Amino acid sequence: TIVALDLYFNTKNKVKATLALAKGKNLHDKRETLKKKQADLEARAAMKNYK
């Protein structure tokens, strides 16, 4: 996947972009991320209800 990191206009009013090549996550990486998000959400809910 190509990602635009920076966009700007030069002196001739043309748009310049800095691009980067990114790689997607593997299935097990996605699962880890979802587990972390869920744990964080539950922790925040517990702290909110603690009062």
PDB file of N, CA and C in Angstrom:
ATOM      1  N   THR A   1       0.847  -1.167   0.000  1.00  0.00           N
ATOM      2  CA  THR A   1       0.000   0.000   0.000  1.00  0.00           C
ATOM      3  C   THR A   1       0.898   1.237   0.000  1.00  0.00           C
ATOM      4  N   ILE A   2       0.544   2.220  -0.782  1.00  0.00           N
ATOM      5  CA  ILE A   2       1.291   3.476  -0.818  1.00  0.00           C
ATOM      6  C   ILE A   2       0.563   4.493   0.051  1.00  0.00           C
ATOM      7  N   VAL A   3       1.325   5.181   0.926  1.00  0.00           N
ATOM      8  CA  VAL A   3       0.762   6.134   1.871  1.00  0.00           C
ATOM      9  C   VAL A   3       1.433   7.484   1.671  1.00  0.00           C
ATOM     10  N   ALA A   4       0.640   8.558   1.637  1.00  0.00           N
ATOM     11  CA  ALA A   4       1.189   9.911   1.530  1.00  0.00           C
ATOM     12  C   ALA A   4       1.600  10.384   2.922  1.00  0.00           C
ATOM     13  N   LEU A   5       2.880  10.704   3.095  1.00  0.00           N
ATOM     14  CA  LEU A   5       3.375  11.171   4.387  1.00  0.00           C
ATOM     15  C   LEU A   5       3.300  12.685   4.507  1.00  0.00           C
ATOM     16  N   ASP A   6       3.510  13.387   3.388  1.00  0.00           N
ATOM     17  CA  ASP A   6       3.579  14.839   3.426  1.00  0.00           C
ATOM     18  C   ASP A   6       3.074  15.397   2.101  1.00  0.00           C
ATOM     19  N   LEU A   7       2.244  16.424   2.151  1.00  0.00           N
ATOM     20  CA  LEU A   7       1.757  17.117   0.955  1.00  0.00           C
ATOM     21  C   LEU A   7       2.038  18.609   1.118  1.00  0.00           C
ATOM     22  N   TYR A   8       2.554  19.252   0.073  1.00  0.00           N
ATOM     23  CA  TYR A   8       2.799  20.684   0.134  1.00  0.00           C
ATOM     24  C   TYR A   8       2.814  21.264  -1.272  1.00  0.00           C
ATOM     25  N   PHE A   9       2.681  22.594  -1.371  1.00  0.00           N
ATOM     26  CA  PHE A   9       2.740  23.302  -2.644  1.00  0.00           C
ATOM     27  C   PHE A   9       4.139  23.870  -2.821  1.00  0.00           C
ATOM     28  N   ASN A  10       4.674  23.774  -4.055  1.00  0.00           N
ATOM     29  CA  ASN A  10       5.975  24.383  -4.311  1.00  0.00           C
ATOM     30  C   ASN A  10       5.770  25.790  -4.859  1.00  0.00           C
ATOM     31  N   THR A  11       6.837  26.441  -5.298  1.00  0.00           N
ATOM     32  CA  THR A  11       6.751  27.835  -5.749  1.00  0.00           C
ATOM     33  C   THR A  11       5.953  27.988  -7.040  1.00  0.00           C
ATOM     34  N   LYS A  12       5.820  26.929  -7.818  1.00  0.00           N
ATOM     35  CA  LYS A  12       5.056  26.977  -9.067  1.00  0.00           C
ATOM     36  C   LYS A  12       3.614  26.525  -8.859  1.00  0.00           C
ATOM     37  N   ASN A  13       3.159  26.504  -7.601  1.00  0.00           N
ATOM     38  CA  ASN A  13       1.806  26.091  -7.223  1.00  0.00           C
ATOM     39  C   ASN A  13       1.466  24.672  -7.670  1.00  0.00           C
ATOM     40  N   LYS A  14       2.453  23.812  -7.658  1.00  0.00           N
ATOM     41  CA  LYS A  14       2.215  22.398  -7.911  1.00  0.00           C
ATOM     42  C   LYS A  14       2.274  21.660  -6.580  1.00  0.00           C
ATOM     43  N   VAL A  15       1.502  20.608  -6.476  1.00  0.00           N
ATOM     44  CA  VAL A  15       1.480  19.831  -5.240  1.00  0.00           C
ATOM     45  C   VAL A  15       2.605  18.808  -5.269  1.00  0.00           C
ATOM     46  N   LYS A  16       3.364  18.764  -4.196  1.00  0.00           N
ATOM     47  CA  LYS A  16       4.421  17.771  -4.036  1.00  0.00           C
ATOM     48  C   LYS A  16       4.003  16.844  -2.903  1.00  0.00           C
ATOM     49  N   ALA A  17       4.357  15.570  -3.028  1.00  0.00           N
ATOM     50  CA  ALA A  17       3.989  14.594  -2.006  1.00  0.00           C
ATOM     51  C   ALA A  17       5.180  13.707  -1.679  1.00  0.00           C
ATOM     52  N   THR A  18       5.303  13.375  -0.412  1.00  0.00           N
ATOM     53  CA  THR A  18       6.276  12.388   0.034  1.00  0.00           C
ATOM     54  C   THR A  18       5.505  11.096   0.259  1.00  0.00           C
ATOM     55  N   LEU A  19       5.913  10.038  -0.440  1.00  0.00           N
ATOM     56  CA  LEU A  19       5.197   8.770  -0.372  1.00  0.00           C
ATOM     57  C   LEU A  19       6.021   7.717   0.355  1.00  0.00           C
ATOM     58  N   ALA A  20       5.313   6.746   0.926  1.00  0.00           N
ATOM     59  CA  ALA A  20       5.976   5.626   1.591  1.00  0.00           C
ATOM     60  C   ALA A  20       5.236   4.348   1.238  1.00  0.00           C
ATOM     61  N   LEU A  21       5.956   3.260   1.275  1.00  0.00           N
ATOM     62  CA  LEU A  21       5.373   1.956   1.014  1.00  0.00           C
ATOM     63  C   LEU A  21       5.100   1.283   2.353  1.00  0.00           C
ATOM     64  N   ALA A  22       3.848   0.865   2.574  1.00  0.00           N
ATOM     65  CA  ALA A  22       3.458   0.245   3.843  1.00  0.00           C
ATOM     66  C   ALA A  22       2.995  -1.180   3.595  1.00  0.00           C
ATOM     67  N   LYS A  23       3.164  -2.006   4.608  1.00  0.00           N
ATOM     68  CA  LYS A  23       2.761  -3.400   4.516  1.00  0.00           C
ATOM     69  C   LYS A  23       1.646  -3.647   5.526  1.00  0.00           C
ATOM     70  N   GLY A  24       0.618  -4.375   5.136  1.00  0.00           N
ATOM     71  CA  GLY A  24      -0.504  -4.661   6.017  1.00  0.00           C
ATOM     72  C   GLY A  24      -0.139  -5.637   7.116  1.00  0.00           C
ATOM     73  N   LYS A  25      -1.014  -5.722   8.113  1.00  0.00           N
ATOM     74  CA  LYS A  25      -0.784  -6.633   9.232  1.00  0.00           C
ATOM     75  C   LYS A  25      -1.170  -8.054   8.855  1.00  0.00           C
ATOM     76  N   ASN A  26      -0.523  -9.014   9.510  1.00  0.00           N
ATOM     77  CA  ASN A  26      -0.908 -10.413   9.368  1.00  0.00           C
ATOM     78  C   ASN A  26      -2.128 -10.683  10.243  1.00  0.00           C
ATOM     79  N   LEU A  27      -2.756 -11.822  10.046  1.00  0.00           N
ATOM     80  CA  LEU A  27      -3.963 -12.151  10.794  1.00  0.00           C
ATOM     81  C   LEU A  27      -3.688 -12.205  12.293  1.00  0.00           C
ATOM     82  N   HIS A  28      -2.567 -12.816  12.702  1.00  0.00           N
ATOM     83  CA  HIS A  28      -2.287 -12.907  14.140  1.00  0.00           C
ATOM     84  C   HIS A  28      -1.985 -11.538  14.735  1.00  0.00           C
ATOM     85  N   ASP A  29      -1.412 -10.611  13.953  1.00  0.00           N
ATOM     86  CA  ASP A  29      -1.176  -9.253  14.435  1.00  0.00           C
ATOM     87  C   ASP A  29      -2.498  -8.536  14.665  1.00  0.00           C
ATOM     88  N   LYS A  30      -3.453  -8.748  13.765  1.00  0.00           N
ATOM     89  CA  LYS A  30      -4.761  -8.117  13.909  1.00  0.00           C
ATOM     90  C   LYS A  30      -5.455  -8.618  15.164  1.00  0.00           C
ATOM     91  N   ARG A  31      -5.333  -9.907  15.434  1.00  0.00           N
ATOM     92  CA  ARG A  31      -5.962 -10.483  16.626  1.00  0.00           C
ATOM     93  C   ARG A  31      -5.358  -9.887  17.894  1.00  0.00           C
ATOM     94  N   GLU A  32      -4.033  -9.731  17.912  1.00  0.00           N
ATOM     95  CA  GLU A  32      -3.368  -9.127  19.077  1.00  0.00           C
ATOM     96  C   GLU A  32      -3.857  -7.704  19.297  1.00  0.00           C
ATOM     97  N   THR A  33      -3.962  -6.941  18.223  1.00  0.00           N
ATOM     98  CA  THR A  33      -4.409  -5.559  18.325  1.00  0.00           C
ATOM     99  C   THR A  33      -5.828  -5.495  18.862  1.00  0.00           C
ATOM    100  N   LEU A  34      -6.705  -6.364  18.368  1.00  0.00           N
ATOM    101  CA  LEU A  34      -8.081  -6.381  18.852  1.00  0.00           C
ATOM    102  C   LEU A  34      -8.144  -6.758  20.328  1.00  0.00           C
ATOM    103  N   LYS A  35      -7.325  -7.709  20.762  1.00  0.00           N
ATOM    104  CA  LYS A  35      -7.298  -8.107  22.174  1.00  0.00           C
ATOM    105  C   LYS A  35      -6.847  -6.943  23.049  1.00  0.00           C
ATOM    106  N   LYS A  36      -5.816  -6.219  22.610  1.00  0.00           N
ATOM    107  CA  LYS A  36      -5.320  -5.085  23.383  1.00  0.00           C
ATOM    108  C   LYS A  36      -6.369  -3.983  23.473  1.00  0.00           C
ATOM    109  N   LYS A  37      -7.047  -3.697  22.353  1.00  0.00           N
ATOM    110  CA  LYS A  37      -8.086  -2.668  22.355  1.00  0.00           C
ATOM    111  C   LYS A  37      -9.218  -3.045  23.297  1.00  0.00           C
ATOM    112  N   GLN A  38      -9.635  -4.309  23.244  1.00  0.00           N
ATOM    113  CA  GLN A  38     -10.726  -4.777  24.092  1.00  0.00           C
ATOM    114  C   GLN A  38     -10.337  -4.695  25.570  1.00  0.00           C
ATOM    115  N   ALA A  39      -9.117  -5.100  25.902  1.00  0.00           N
ATOM    116  CA  ALA A  39      -8.653  -5.040  27.289  1.00  0.00           C
ATOM    117  C   ALA A  39      -8.589  -3.595  27.775  1.00  0.00           C
ATOM    118  N   ASP A  40      -8.116  -2.691  26.934  1.00  0.00           N
ATOM    119  CA  ASP A  40      -8.037  -1.278  27.294  1.00  0.00           C
ATOM    120  C   ASP A  40      -9.429  -0.703  27.500  1.00  0.00           C
ATOM    121  N   LEU A  41     -10.363  -1.064  26.631  1.00  0.00           N
ATOM    122  CA  LEU A  41     -11.734  -0.578  26.743  1.00  0.00           C
ATOM    123  C   LEU A  41     -12.364  -1.063  28.044  1.00  0.00           C
ATOM    124  N   GLU A  42     -12.157  -2.331  28.385  1.00  0.00           N
ATOM    125  CA  GLU A  42     -12.708  -2.878  29.625  1.00  0.00           C
ATOM    126  C   GLU A  42     -12.077  -2.219  30.846  1.00  0.00           C
ATOM    127  N   ALA A  43     -10.783  -1.945  30.793  1.00  0.00           N
ATOM    128  CA  ALA A  43     -10.107  -1.286  31.907  1.00  0.00           C
ATOM    129  C   ALA A  43     -10.637   0.130  32.098  1.00  0.00           C
ATOM    130  N   ARG A  44     -10.841   0.843  31.020  1.00  0.00           N
ATOM    131  CA  ARG A  44     -11.386   2.204  31.122  1.00  0.00           C
ATOM    132  C   ARG A  44     -12.800   2.187  31.684  1.00  0.00           C
ATOM    133  N   ALA A  45     -13.610   1.222  31.237  1.00  0.00           N
ATOM    134  CA  ALA A  45     -14.979   1.112  31.743  1.00  0.00           C
ATOM    135  C   ALA A  45     -14.971   0.795  33.232  1.00  0.00           C
ATOM    136  N   ALA A  46     -14.070  -0.075  33.665  1.00  0.00           N
ATOM    137  CA  ALA A  46     -13.975  -0.427  35.080  1.00  0.00           C
ATOM    138  C   ALA A  46     -13.555   0.787  35.912  1.00  0.00           C
ATOM    139  N   MET A  47     -12.603   1.575  35.405  1.00  0.00           N
ATOM    140  CA  MET A  47     -12.163   2.763  36.138  1.00  0.00           C
ATOM    141  C   MET A  47     -13.270   3.808  36.179  1.00  0.00           C
ATOM    142  N   LYS A  48     -14.046   3.911  35.112  1.00  0.00           N
ATOM    143  CA  LYS A  48     -15.135   4.883  35.069  1.00  0.00           C
ATOM    144  C   LYS A  48     -16.224   4.501  36.067  1.00  0.00           C
ATOM    145  N   ASN A  49     -16.518   3.209  36.175  1.00  0.00           N
ATOM    146  CA  ASN A  49     -17.569   2.741  37.079  1.00  0.00           C
ATOM    147  C   ASN A  49     -17.089   2.625  38.520  1.00  0.00           C
ATOM    148  N   TYR A  50     -15.811   2.781  38.783  1.00  0.00           N
ATOM    149  CA  TYR A  50     -15.249   2.646  40.121  1.00  0.00           C
ATOM    150  C   TYR A  50     -15.706   3.762  41.048  1.00  0.00           C
ATOM    151  N   LYS A  51     -15.934   4.949  40.504  1.00  0.00           N
ATOM    152  CA  LYS A  51     -16.291   6.121  41.318  1.00  0.00           C
ATOM    153  C   LYS A  51     -17.514   5.933  42.107  1.00  0.00           C
TER     154      LYS A  51
END
